Amino acid sequence: MALKINEDCISCGACEPECPVDAISEGDDIYVIDPETCIECKGHFDEPQCVDVCPSEAIEKL
């Protein structure tokens, strides 16, 4: 599984530093999550950290 940032993203950047495997990066208009790298924080945290810090609730499961 992986997470995806949808069009509700406000490009605030809050999610990027929270990712323990550096799967989040700034895209052209919004931030993006590399689905090949994203592990949903398994082995690091109980819940995906990016979801917890996203002010626009723009991160969802694929």
N, C-alpha and C. Protein backbone atom coordinates (compact mmCIF):
# COMPACT_ATOMS: atom_id res chain seq x y z
N MET A 1 0.84 -1.19 0.00
CA MET A 1 0.00 0.00 0.00
C MET A 1 0.88 1.25 0.00
N ALA A 2 0.27 2.31 -0.39
CA ALA A 2 0.95 3.60 -0.40
C ALA A 2 -0.10 4.68 -0.20
N LEU A 3 0.38 5.88 0.02
CA LEU A 3 -0.50 7.02 0.18
C LEU A 3 -0.36 7.93 -1.03
N LYS A 4 -1.36 8.80 -1.24
CA LYS A 4 -1.35 9.73 -2.35
C LYS A 4 -1.80 11.09 -1.84
N ILE A 5 -1.20 12.14 -2.36
CA ILE A 5 -1.63 13.50 -2.05
C ILE A 5 -2.55 13.94 -3.17
N ASN A 6 -3.77 14.35 -2.81
CA ASN A 6 -4.75 14.73 -3.83
C ASN A 6 -4.72 16.24 -4.09
N GLU A 7 -5.62 16.70 -4.96
CA GLU A 7 -5.65 18.09 -5.40
C GLU A 7 -6.03 19.09 -4.31
N ASP A 8 -6.42 18.60 -3.13
CA ASP A 8 -6.71 19.50 -2.01
C ASP A 8 -5.44 20.02 -1.35
N CYS A 9 -4.28 19.53 -1.78
CA CYS A 9 -2.99 19.95 -1.23
C CYS A 9 -2.81 21.46 -1.42
N ILE A 10 -2.38 22.13 -0.36
CA ILE A 10 -2.13 23.58 -0.42
C ILE A 10 -0.63 23.88 -0.51
N SER A 11 0.17 22.86 -0.74
CA SER A 11 1.63 22.99 -0.90
C SER A 11 2.31 23.69 0.27
N CYS A 12 1.87 23.36 1.47
CA CYS A 12 2.45 23.98 2.66
C CYS A 12 3.79 23.35 3.05
N GLY A 13 4.01 22.10 2.64
CA GLY A 13 5.27 21.43 2.92
C GLY A 13 5.35 20.76 4.28
N ALA A 14 4.28 20.76 5.04
CA ALA A 14 4.30 20.17 6.38
C ALA A 14 4.58 18.67 6.36
N CYS A 15 4.16 18.00 5.31
CA CYS A 15 4.29 16.55 5.22
C CYS A 15 5.70 16.07 4.92
N GLU A 16 6.43 16.81 4.11
CA GLU A 16 7.74 16.36 3.62
C GLU A 16 8.72 15.96 4.72
N PRO A 17 8.95 16.79 5.74
CA PRO A 17 9.92 16.40 6.77
C PRO A 17 9.45 15.27 7.69
N GLU A 18 8.16 14.96 7.66
CA GLU A 18 7.61 13.91 8.52
C GLU A 18 7.87 12.51 8.00
N CYS A 19 8.18 12.36 6.72
CA CYS A 19 8.34 11.04 6.11
C CYS A 19 9.68 10.41 6.49
N PRO A 20 9.65 9.25 7.14
CA PRO A 20 10.91 8.61 7.59
C PRO A 20 11.72 7.99 6.45
N VAL A 21 11.11 7.84 5.26
CA VAL A 21 11.83 7.23 4.13
C VAL A 21 11.96 8.19 2.95
N ASP A 22 11.74 9.47 3.18
CA ASP A 22 11.88 10.51 2.15
C ASP A 22 11.09 10.21 0.87
N ALA A 23 9.86 9.75 1.03
CA ALA A 23 9.01 9.43 -0.12
C ALA A 23 8.22 10.63 -0.63
N ILE A 24 8.24 11.75 0.11
CA ILE A 24 7.46 12.93 -0.26
C ILE A 24 8.38 14.00 -0.82
N SER A 25 7.96 14.59 -1.93
CA SER A 25 8.74 15.66 -2.54
C SER A 25 7.79 16.70 -3.14
N GLU A 26 8.34 17.87 -3.43
CA GLU A 26 7.56 18.94 -4.02
C GLU A 26 7.38 18.66 -5.51
N GLY A 27 6.14 18.63 -5.94
CA GLY A 27 5.84 18.43 -7.36
C GLY A 27 5.66 19.76 -8.06
N ASP A 28 5.11 19.74 -9.24
CA ASP A 28 4.91 20.98 -9.99
C ASP A 28 3.90 21.91 -9.31
N ASP A 29 2.76 21.36 -8.92
CA ASP A 29 1.72 22.18 -8.29
C ASP A 29 1.45 21.80 -6.85
N ILE A 30 1.59 20.52 -6.55
CA ILE A 30 1.35 20.01 -5.19
C ILE A 30 2.47 19.05 -4.82
N TYR A 31 2.52 18.68 -3.56
CA TYR A 31 3.50 17.68 -3.13
C TYR A 31 3.06 16.31 -3.61
N VAL A 32 4.03 15.42 -3.80
CA VAL A 32 3.74 14.08 -4.30
C VAL A 32 4.41 13.04 -3.43
N ILE A 33 3.83 11.85 -3.41
CA ILE A 33 4.39 10.72 -2.67
C ILE A 33 4.79 9.65 -3.67
N ASP A 34 6.04 9.20 -3.59
CA ASP A 34 6.52 8.13 -4.46
C ASP A 34 5.93 6.81 -3.94
N PRO A 35 5.02 6.19 -4.70
CA PRO A 35 4.38 4.96 -4.22
C PRO A 35 5.33 3.78 -4.09
N GLU A 36 6.46 3.83 -4.77
CA GLU A 36 7.45 2.75 -4.67
C GLU A 36 8.25 2.85 -3.38
N THR A 37 8.31 4.04 -2.80
CA THR A 37 9.09 4.28 -1.59
C THR A 37 8.23 4.31 -0.33
N CYS A 38 6.99 4.78 -0.46
CA CYS A 38 6.10 4.94 0.69
C CYS A 38 5.82 3.60 1.37
N ILE A 39 6.01 3.58 2.68
CA ILE A 39 5.73 2.39 3.48
C ILE A 39 4.65 2.65 4.53
N GLU A 40 3.96 3.81 4.38
CA GLU A 40 2.92 4.23 5.33
C GLU A 40 3.45 4.24 6.77
N CYS A 41 4.74 4.51 6.92
CA CYS A 41 5.42 4.63 8.21
C CYS A 41 5.51 3.32 8.98
N LYS A 42 5.18 2.20 8.34
CA LYS A 42 5.27 0.90 9.02
C LYS A 42 6.71 0.62 9.46
N GLY A 43 6.83 0.21 10.71
CA GLY A 43 8.15 -0.04 11.28
C GLY A 43 8.76 1.20 11.92
N HIS A 44 8.12 2.35 11.72
CA HIS A 44 8.59 3.60 12.29
C HIS A 44 7.58 4.20 13.26
N PHE A 45 6.31 4.24 12.83
CA PHE A 45 5.23 4.84 13.62
C PHE A 45 3.98 3.98 13.48
N ASP A 46 3.03 4.16 14.39
CA ASP A 46 1.77 3.42 14.34
C ASP A 46 0.87 3.90 13.21
N GLU A 47 0.94 5.17 12.88
CA GLU A 47 0.11 5.78 11.84
C GLU A 47 0.99 6.60 10.91
N PRO A 48 0.57 6.77 9.66
CA PRO A 48 1.33 7.62 8.75
C PRO A 48 1.43 9.06 9.28
N GLN A 49 2.62 9.54 9.45
CA GLN A 49 2.83 10.86 10.03
C GLN A 49 2.38 12.00 9.14
N CYS A 50 2.49 11.83 7.83
CA CYS A 50 2.08 12.90 6.91
C CYS A 50 0.59 13.18 7.03
N VAL A 51 -0.20 12.14 7.23
CA VAL A 51 -1.65 12.31 7.36
C VAL A 51 -1.96 13.15 8.60
N ASP A 52 -1.24 12.89 9.68
CA ASP A 52 -1.49 13.61 10.93
C ASP A 52 -1.19 15.11 10.83
N VAL A 53 -0.20 15.50 10.03
CA VAL A 53 0.19 16.91 9.97
C VAL A 53 -0.43 17.69 8.82
N CYS A 54 -1.11 17.02 7.91
CA CYS A 54 -1.68 17.70 6.74
C CYS A 54 -2.87 18.57 7.14
N PRO A 55 -2.76 19.90 6.99
CA PRO A 55 -3.85 20.79 7.39
C PRO A 55 -5.05 20.76 6.45
N SER A 56 -4.86 20.27 5.22
CA SER A 56 -5.97 20.25 4.27
C SER A 56 -6.55 18.85 4.05
N GLU A 57 -6.06 17.90 4.84
CA GLU A 57 -6.54 16.51 4.75
C GLU A 57 -6.48 16.00 3.31
N ALA A 58 -5.35 16.27 2.64
CA ALA A 58 -5.19 15.95 1.23
C ALA A 58 -4.49 14.60 0.98
N ILE A 59 -4.20 13.85 2.04
CA ILE A 59 -3.46 12.59 1.87
C ILE A 59 -4.40 11.42 2.11
N GLU A 60 -4.42 10.52 1.12
CA GLU A 60 -5.33 9.37 1.18
C GLU A 60 -4.61 8.10 0.74
N LYS A 61 -5.20 6.96 1.10
CA LYS A 61 -4.64 5.68 0.67
C LYS A 61 -4.98 5.43 -0.80
N LEU A 62 -4.05 4.81 -1.50
CA LEU A 62 -4.29 4.44 -2.91
C LEU A 62 -5.24 3.28 -2.99
